Protein backbone atom coordinates (compact mmCIF):
# COMPACT_ATOMS: atom_id res chain seq x y z
CA MET A 1 24.41 -14.44 16.39
CA HIS A 2 22.45 -12.65 19.14
CA ILE A 3 19.20 -11.64 17.47
CA GLY A 4 16.37 -9.47 18.99
CA ILE A 5 12.73 -9.87 17.60
CA VAL A 6 9.90 -7.37 18.10
CA GLY A 7 6.45 -8.92 17.86
CA GLY A 8 4.92 -12.00 19.55
CA GLY A 9 2.55 -12.69 16.60
CA ILE A 10 2.84 -15.79 14.40
CA ASN A 11 5.52 -14.13 12.08
CA GLY A 12 7.69 -13.25 14.97
CA LEU A 13 7.31 -16.54 16.72
CA CYS A 14 7.94 -18.53 13.50
CA ALA A 15 11.15 -16.45 12.82
CA ALA A 16 12.32 -17.11 16.27
CA TRP A 17 11.66 -20.72 15.77
CA ALA A 18 13.67 -20.75 12.55
CA LEU A 19 16.44 -18.84 13.93
CA ALA A 20 16.79 -20.88 17.07
CA GLN A 21 16.93 -24.13 14.76
CA ASP A 22 19.80 -22.53 13.04
CA GLY A 23 21.69 -22.10 16.22
CA HIS A 24 21.31 -18.28 16.84
CA GLN A 25 20.51 -16.88 20.21
CA VAL A 26 17.21 -15.29 20.14
CA LYS A 27 15.15 -12.97 22.47
CA LEU A 28 11.63 -11.90 21.46
CA PHE A 29 9.74 -8.92 22.91
CA GLU A 30 5.94 -8.62 22.86
CA ARG A 31 4.15 -5.59 24.02
CA ASP A 32 1.32 -7.52 25.55
CA SER A 33 0.99 -11.31 25.51
CA ILE A 34 1.98 -13.55 22.63
CA MET A 35 -0.76 -14.42 20.08
CA GLN A 36 -3.28 -11.99 21.34
CA ALA A 37 -3.60 -9.49 18.65
CA THR A 38 -3.92 -9.86 14.80
CA SER A 39 -2.73 -13.38 14.93
CA ARG A 40 -5.65 -14.59 17.12
CA ALA A 41 -8.13 -12.59 15.22
CA SER A 42 -8.00 -14.70 11.99
CA SER A 43 -10.76 -16.59 10.05
CA LYS A 44 -9.09 -19.85 11.50
CA LEU A 45 -8.11 -20.77 8.05
CA LEU A 46 -4.96 -21.91 6.48
CA HIS A 47 -5.53 -21.17 2.83
CA GLY A 48 -4.14 -19.91 -0.30
CA GLY A 49 -6.70 -17.11 -0.54
CA ILE A 50 -8.80 -17.76 -3.58
CA ARG A 51 -9.90 -14.08 -3.83
CA TYR A 52 -6.23 -12.89 -4.28
CA LEU A 53 -6.19 -14.68 -7.89
CA GLU A 54 -8.47 -11.76 -9.02
CA THR A 55 -5.61 -9.19 -8.22
CA GLY A 56 -2.94 -11.33 -9.80
CA GLN A 57 -1.22 -12.36 -6.52
CA PHE A 58 -0.22 -15.73 -7.84
CA ARG A 59 3.09 -16.05 -6.13
CA LEU A 60 1.26 -15.32 -2.76
CA VAL A 61 -1.32 -17.87 -3.43
CA ARG A 62 1.18 -20.59 -4.70
CA GLU A 63 3.33 -20.19 -1.45
CA ALA A 64 0.24 -20.11 0.72
CA LEU A 65 -1.11 -23.28 -0.70
CA ARG A 66 2.25 -25.13 -0.26
CA GLU A 67 2.38 -23.89 3.28
CA ARG A 68 -1.08 -24.89 3.96
CA ASP A 69 -0.18 -28.36 3.12
CA GLU A 70 2.93 -28.31 5.23
CA TRP A 71 0.91 -27.13 8.41
CA LEU A 72 -1.60 -29.92 7.93
CA SER A 73 1.45 -32.30 7.68
CA ILE A 74 3.43 -31.09 10.78
CA MET A 75 0.60 -30.42 13.12
CA PRO A 76 -2.53 -32.58 12.47
CA GLY A 77 -3.76 -32.25 15.81
CA LEU A 78 -4.46 -28.63 15.59
CA THR A 79 -5.39 -28.40 11.80
CA ASN A 80 -7.97 -30.24 9.40
CA SER A 81 -8.93 -30.22 6.04
CA LEU A 82 -12.06 -28.28 5.33
CA PRO A 83 -14.47 -28.69 2.30
CA ILE A 84 -16.06 -25.34 1.47
CA ILE A 85 -18.88 -24.60 -1.13
CA TYR A 86 -19.09 -21.62 -3.17
CA PRO A 87 -22.78 -21.49 -4.12
CA LYS A 88 -23.34 -20.03 -7.73
CA TYR A 89 -26.33 -17.71 -7.90
CA THR A 90 -27.76 -16.24 -11.07
CA ALA A 91 -27.41 -12.64 -9.47
CA GLY A 92 -23.80 -13.20 -8.54
CA LYS A 93 -20.78 -11.28 -9.71
CA ARG A 94 -18.86 -14.21 -10.94
CA SER A 95 -19.95 -16.48 -13.80
CA ARG A 96 -19.69 -20.26 -13.62
CA LEU A 97 -16.90 -20.13 -16.24
CA MET A 98 -15.03 -17.40 -14.18
CA LEU A 99 -15.34 -19.64 -11.13
CA GLY A 100 -14.19 -22.77 -12.99
CA ILE A 101 -11.19 -20.99 -14.12
CA GLY A 102 -10.43 -19.69 -10.80
CA PHE A 103 -10.71 -22.96 -8.94
CA GLY A 104 -8.90 -24.87 -11.63
CA LEU A 105 -5.93 -22.37 -11.24
CA TYR A 106 -6.17 -22.66 -7.53
CA ASP A 107 -5.65 -26.40 -7.80
CA ARG A 108 -2.79 -25.96 -10.33
CA LEU A 109 -0.89 -23.49 -7.99
CA ALA A 110 -1.18 -26.10 -5.14
CA GLY A 111 0.76 -28.59 -7.05
CA ALA A 112 0.72 -32.12 -5.82
CA SER A 113 -1.51 -31.30 -2.90
CA ILE A 114 -2.68 -33.51 -0.17
CA LEU A 115 -6.17 -32.15 -0.55
CA PRO A 116 -8.73 -32.95 -3.30
CA ALA A 117 -9.32 -30.75 -6.31
CA ALA A 118 -12.36 -28.57 -6.54
CA GLU A 119 -15.40 -29.92 -8.32
CA TRP A 120 -18.68 -28.63 -9.46
CA LEU A 121 -21.95 -29.61 -7.66
CA ASP A 122 -25.24 -29.26 -9.31
CA ARG A 123 -28.10 -27.35 -7.59
CA ASN A 124 -29.60 -30.57 -5.98
CA ALA A 125 -26.18 -31.66 -4.53
CA VAL A 126 -25.67 -28.08 -3.05
CA LEU A 127 -28.95 -28.20 -1.45
CA HIS A 128 -28.38 -31.69 -0.03
CA HIS A 129 -25.25 -30.36 1.78
CA LEU A 130 -27.08 -26.91 2.69
CA PRO A 131 -30.86 -27.31 2.87
CA GLU A 132 -31.04 -23.99 4.72
CA LEU A 133 -29.64 -22.06 1.53
CA GLN A 134 -32.23 -20.02 -0.49
CA SER A 135 -32.98 -22.14 -3.59
CA LYS A 136 -34.17 -19.21 -5.81
CA GLY A 137 -31.41 -18.37 -8.30
CA LEU A 138 -29.30 -21.33 -7.38
CA GLU A 139 -27.50 -22.75 -9.98
CA GLY A 140 -25.09 -25.10 -8.29
CA GLY A 141 -21.67 -24.46 -6.76
CA TYR A 142 -17.97 -25.35 -6.54
CA CYS A 143 -16.73 -27.61 -3.58
CA TYR A 144 -13.06 -26.77 -2.86
CA TYR A 145 -10.75 -27.61 0.02
CA ASP A 146 -8.57 -25.47 2.30
CA ALA A 147 -7.62 -26.04 6.02
CA GLN A 148 -8.78 -25.03 9.34
CA MET A 149 -6.75 -24.44 12.58
CA ASP A 150 -6.93 -23.09 16.09
CA ASP A 151 -4.89 -20.22 15.55
CA TYR A 152 -4.09 -19.46 19.17
CA LEU A 153 -3.16 -23.05 20.12
CA LEU A 154 -1.14 -23.48 16.99
CA GLY A 155 0.81 -20.17 17.75
CA GLN A 156 1.42 -21.38 21.26
CA TRP A 157 2.81 -24.55 19.90
CA VAL A 158 5.26 -22.72 17.85
CA ALA A 159 6.29 -20.55 20.81
CA LYS A 160 6.75 -23.91 22.88
CA GLN A 161 8.96 -25.32 19.95
CA SER A 162 11.10 -22.18 20.08
CA VAL A 163 11.45 -21.88 23.92
CA GLU A 164 12.63 -25.63 23.87
CA LEU A 165 15.49 -24.46 21.53
CA GLY A 166 16.44 -21.66 23.87
CA VAL A 167 14.46 -18.65 22.74
CA LYS A 168 13.81 -16.09 25.57
CA ILE A 169 10.24 -14.57 25.25
CA ARG A 170 9.56 -11.37 27.21
CA GLU A 171 5.88 -10.48 27.27
CA ASP A 172 4.61 -7.19 28.39
CA SER A 173 7.66 -5.52 27.13
CA MET A 174 6.82 -2.49 24.98
CA VAL A 175 9.60 -1.59 22.75
CA LYS A 176 10.12 2.10 22.46
CA SER A 177 12.64 2.38 19.79
CA VAL A 178 15.09 0.34 17.60
CA SER A 179 18.22 1.48 15.84
CA PRO A 180 20.18 0.60 12.61
CA ALA A 181 23.14 -0.19 14.87
CA GLY A 182 21.31 -2.97 16.66
CA ARG A 183 20.18 -1.16 19.81
CA LEU A 184 16.62 -1.83 21.13
CA THR A 185 15.28 0.21 23.90
CA LEU A 186 12.21 -0.68 25.96
CA ALA A 187 9.49 1.69 27.25
CA ASP A 188 10.99 1.60 30.68
CA GLY A 189 14.53 2.90 29.37
CA THR A 190 16.25 -0.56 29.50
CA GLU A 191 18.48 -0.88 26.38
CA HIS A 192 19.54 -4.14 24.76
CA GLN A 193 22.27 -4.61 21.98
CA PHE A 194 21.84 -7.14 19.34
CA ASP A 195 23.80 -8.35 16.43
CA ARG A 196 20.52 -8.20 14.38
CA ILE A 197 17.18 -6.79 15.28
CA LEU A 198 14.01 -8.00 13.45
CA ASN A 199 10.93 -5.54 13.48
CA ILE A 200 8.03 -8.07 12.83
CA ALA A 201 5.38 -6.03 14.91
CA GLY A 202 2.83 -6.60 12.25
CA PRO A 203 0.46 -3.56 12.07
CA TRP A 204 2.80 -1.53 14.40
CA ALA A 205 6.04 -2.13 12.23
CA GLU A 206 5.78 1.16 10.37
CA LYS A 207 4.79 2.94 13.55
CA LEU A 208 8.01 1.67 15.38
CA LEU A 209 10.17 2.97 12.52
CA GLU A 210 8.61 6.35 12.82
CA LYS A 211 9.23 6.38 16.44
CA SER A 212 12.66 5.36 15.95
CA GLY A 213 13.34 8.30 13.31
CA ILE A 214 13.92 5.79 10.56
CA GLN A 215 12.25 6.56 7.24
CA SER A 216 9.91 3.56 6.13
CA LYS A 217 10.11 2.60 2.29
CA PHE A 218 6.64 1.09 2.47
CA HIS A 219 3.19 1.95 3.82
CA LEU A 220 0.85 -0.35 5.72
CA ASP A 221 -2.96 0.15 5.02
CA LEU A 222 -4.53 -1.05 8.25
CA VAL A 223 -7.80 -3.02 7.54
CA GLN A 224 -9.94 -4.10 10.33
CA GLY A 225 -11.57 -7.48 9.84
CA SER A 226 -14.48 -8.46 12.27
CA HIS A 227 -16.01 -11.73 12.88
CA LEU A 228 -19.11 -12.99 14.58
CA ILE A 229 -19.40 -16.37 16.57
CA VAL A 230 -23.15 -17.49 16.49
CA ASP A 231 -24.64 -20.16 18.78
CA ARG A 232 -25.80 -22.09 15.78
CA LEU A 233 -24.33 -25.43 14.06
CA CYS A 234 -22.77 -24.81 10.82
CA GLN A 235 -23.79 -27.78 8.45
CA HIS A 236 -21.00 -26.93 5.91
CA ALA A 237 -18.46 -24.39 5.30
CA LEU A 238 -19.38 -21.80 2.80
CA ILE A 239 -17.87 -18.72 0.93
CA LEU A 240 -20.52 -16.22 -0.31
CA GLU A 241 -20.53 -12.94 -2.14
CA ILE A 242 -21.77 -9.94 -0.27
CA PRO A 243 -24.92 -9.10 -1.90
CA GLY A 244 -24.45 -6.28 -4.60
CA GLU A 245 -20.70 -6.43 -4.04
CA SER A 246 -17.73 -8.49 -5.43
CA ARG A 247 -16.40 -9.06 -1.78
CA ILE A 248 -16.81 -12.49 -0.37
CA PHE A 249 -17.33 -13.67 3.22
CA PHE A 250 -17.11 -16.89 5.00
CA VAL A 251 -19.53 -19.14 7.02
CA LEU A 252 -17.60 -21.80 8.91
CA PRO A 253 -18.09 -24.41 11.57
CA TRP A 254 -16.22 -23.35 14.74
CA GLN A 255 -16.12 -25.26 18.00
CA ARG A 256 -19.88 -26.51 17.60
CA LYS A 257 -20.83 -23.03 16.68
CA MET A 258 -20.76 -20.78 13.50
CA LEU A 259 -18.14 -18.26 12.51
CA ILE A 260 -19.13 -15.58 10.15
CA GLY A 261 -16.57 -12.96 8.67
CA THR A 262 -15.02 -10.89 7.70
CA THR A 263 -15.40 -7.13 7.24
CA GLU A 264 -12.97 -4.47 5.63
CA VAL A 265 -12.89 -1.30 7.55
CA ARG A 266 -9.83 1.07 7.43
CA ARG A 267 -8.34 2.06 10.69
CA LYS A 268 -5.47 4.10 12.18
CA ILE A 269 -3.01 2.46 14.35
CA ASN A 270 -4.12 4.43 17.34
CA GLU A 271 -8.04 3.57 16.98
CA GLU A 272 -9.66 0.84 19.00
CA VAL A 273 -9.96 -2.38 17.28
CA VAL A 274 -13.52 -3.78 17.97
CA CYS A 275 -16.36 -5.07 16.17
CA SER A 276 -18.73 -2.16 15.56
CA GLU A 277 -22.54 -2.31 15.58
CA THR A 278 -22.50 -1.45 11.87
CA GLU A 279 -20.05 -4.55 11.17
CA LYS A 280 -22.42 -6.79 13.06
CA GLN A 281 -25.51 -5.94 11.10
CA TYR A 282 -23.48 -5.98 7.83
CA LEU A 283 -22.54 -9.61 8.30
CA ILE A 284 -25.99 -10.52 9.68
CA ASN A 285 -27.64 -9.06 6.53
CA ALA A 286 -25.32 -10.94 4.28
CA TYR A 287 -25.84 -14.16 5.94
CA ASN A 288 -29.64 -13.68 5.92
CA HIS A 289 -29.64 -12.83 2.26
CA TYR A 290 -28.70 -16.41 1.40
CA HIS A 291 -30.33 -18.45 4.09
CA ILE A 292 -33.90 -19.35 4.91
CA SER A 293 -33.60 -19.34 8.76
CA HIS A 294 -32.49 -15.86 9.42
CA LEU A 295 -30.22 -14.59 12.27
CA SER A 296 -30.57 -11.50 14.45
CA ILE A 297 -28.11 -9.34 16.40
CA THR A 298 -29.32 -11.36 19.65
CA ASP A 299 -27.99 -14.70 18.25
CA ILE A 300 -24.42 -13.24 18.29
CA LYS A 301 -22.54 -14.90 21.09
CA GLU A 302 -19.13 -13.34 20.59
CA THR A 303 -17.36 -10.99 18.14
CA PHE A 304 -13.51 -10.48 17.60
CA ALA A 305 -11.49 -8.18 15.40
CA GLY A 306 -7.88 -7.66 14.27
CA LEU A 307 -5.76 -5.37 12.07
CA ARG A 308 -4.61 -6.69 8.82
CA PRO A 309 -1.54 -4.88 7.57
CA LEU A 310 -1.67 -4.68 3.75
CA LEU A 311 1.33 -3.83 2.07
CA SER A 312 1.58 -0.86 -0.38
CA SER A 313 4.48 1.18 -1.82
CA ARG A 314 4.58 4.83 -0.98
CA ALA A 315 5.00 5.33 -4.86
CA ASN A 316 1.62 3.60 -5.53
CA PRO A 317 -0.61 3.59 -2.42
CA SER A 318 -3.53 2.25 -4.21
CA LYS A 319 -2.24 -1.16 -4.73
CA ALA A 320 -2.49 -2.94 -1.41
CA SER A 321 -1.45 -6.47 -1.11
CA ARG A 322 -1.22 -9.40 1.48
CA GLU A 323 2.18 -10.13 0.28
CA TYR A 324 5.17 -9.09 2.41
CA ALA A 325 8.37 -6.97 1.92
CA PHE A 326 11.59 -6.34 3.71
CA GLN A 327 13.37 -3.11 4.59
CA GLN A 328 16.91 -3.45 5.83
CA ASP A 329 18.63 -0.60 7.66
CA GLN A 330 22.08 -1.86 8.47
CA HIS A 331 21.45 -4.45 11.31
CA LEU A 332 17.75 -3.70 11.38
CA LEU A 333 15.37 -5.73 9.38
CA THR A 334 11.67 -4.71 9.11
CA VAL A 335 8.97 -7.00 7.79
CA PHE A 336 5.78 -5.33 6.15
CA GLY A 337 2.83 -7.23 5.55
CA GLY A 338 2.36 -10.99 5.65
CA LYS A 339 -0.28 -13.69 6.25
CA TRP A 340 -0.88 -16.45 8.99
CA THR A 341 -0.52 -19.25 6.55
CA THR A 342 2.97 -17.98 5.13
CA SER A 343 4.55 -17.37 8.43
CA ARG A 344 7.00 -20.28 8.06
CA ALA A 345 7.98 -19.40 4.51
CA LEU A 346 8.56 -15.81 5.79
CA ALA A 347 10.78 -17.09 8.55
CA ARG A 348 12.73 -19.15 6.04
CA LYS A 349 13.40 -16.04 3.86
CA ILE A 350 14.68 -14.00 6.79
CA THR A 351 17.21 -16.83 7.83
CA SER A 352 18.38 -17.54 4.18
CA LYS A 353 18.44 -13.95 2.69
CA TYR A 354 19.16 -11.76 5.57
CA ILE A 355 20.81 -13.62 8.51
CA ASP A 356 22.70 -16.66 7.13
CA ALA A 357 23.53 -15.26 3.81
C-alpha cells in the first residue's frame, strides 16, 4: 500500500518504521522538523508511569513497562536503567502501605523485567544516597527502577531506520487537510493521493480533523508540561510529591546537570508553548521544600515545554487519560493520545488492526 502519515513525532516515526518493515510505501509529512515538538519535550524517561496506577490505567502501565524493557534491549547506547528514590515523609499524601502496594503492583505488571524490583530503604539509607535531602519527617523511601533516554537522538535513530527502509520524510510540510477518500492537501495547495492516511499529529490531530470538516469522536485535553535544567549535579534520581498536593515531580540527572519537572497547565492549540515564570517558581519552590541547599531562578540554565495530548471521550470529558484511541473514517485513521514509551506498541496496533488486517 501507499500510505501517508501526518506527524513527525515519535509515534508517527514508529508507525512509518513498522509499516516500512511490512513492505508498504510510506511518505511522512511534518509541519516543522521531526522530533522538535512534544516528543523532544519529554522528561527523558522510558517508564510505565507509576502515578497512572492511582487512576486505574493498568493496561497502559503494563504495556509501557514491557515497552520500556524493549527499548533498553534494542538501543542500549541511547538508553540506560535508572534507579529512582521516592522518599516517604510523615506529611506525605501517601502512606508507606499505599506506596508498597503501588510499587509491588508496578513490579508485577512489568512481568519478567530486566530491571530489579523495588525495595524499601530505611531513613539512613535514603540520606546516604541523598545527603542534601531534608531529614525532618523523613521515614525512609522506596527505590525503584525505570529507564532514561535521549529522546531526540532516539527519535532520530528511529527515523534513520525508517529512511533506510524507503520511507520518505518531508519536513516543513504543513498539511492543510485530509479526507476519508485518502486525499492529503498541503498548505501550498499540493495534493497527494494515498491508499491510507494516518493522522498521527499528536496535539494537532483533533485540529486537523476539524480543518478537514470531519467530526472527531474524541477530545484532546492539551496539558503543558514544563521542565527546568539546572547547572547542578544530581546525586540520585528522585520522585517527590508537590508540597500540599498529590501531584508528583521528578528530579533527574541529565547530561551532568539536573532536570526538574513537570508541571500541568491547560493550553489551547493556538497558544504559545513556553515555560512561564509561574511554572519556574512552582518547580523551584517544590525542589527547595525537600532540599537543604536551595535553588533560585538564577540557577536555571534552560527550560523546555511541550503539550501532552490527554485523551477524553466527548461523552465524559472529565476522564482524561494517557492511553490512546483510534478513529477510522474510511481510508483515514486518526490516532488520539499516546506516550513516548508506548510508541512502538502503538505502531504494531496500527499495522495489525488497521492496515494488514
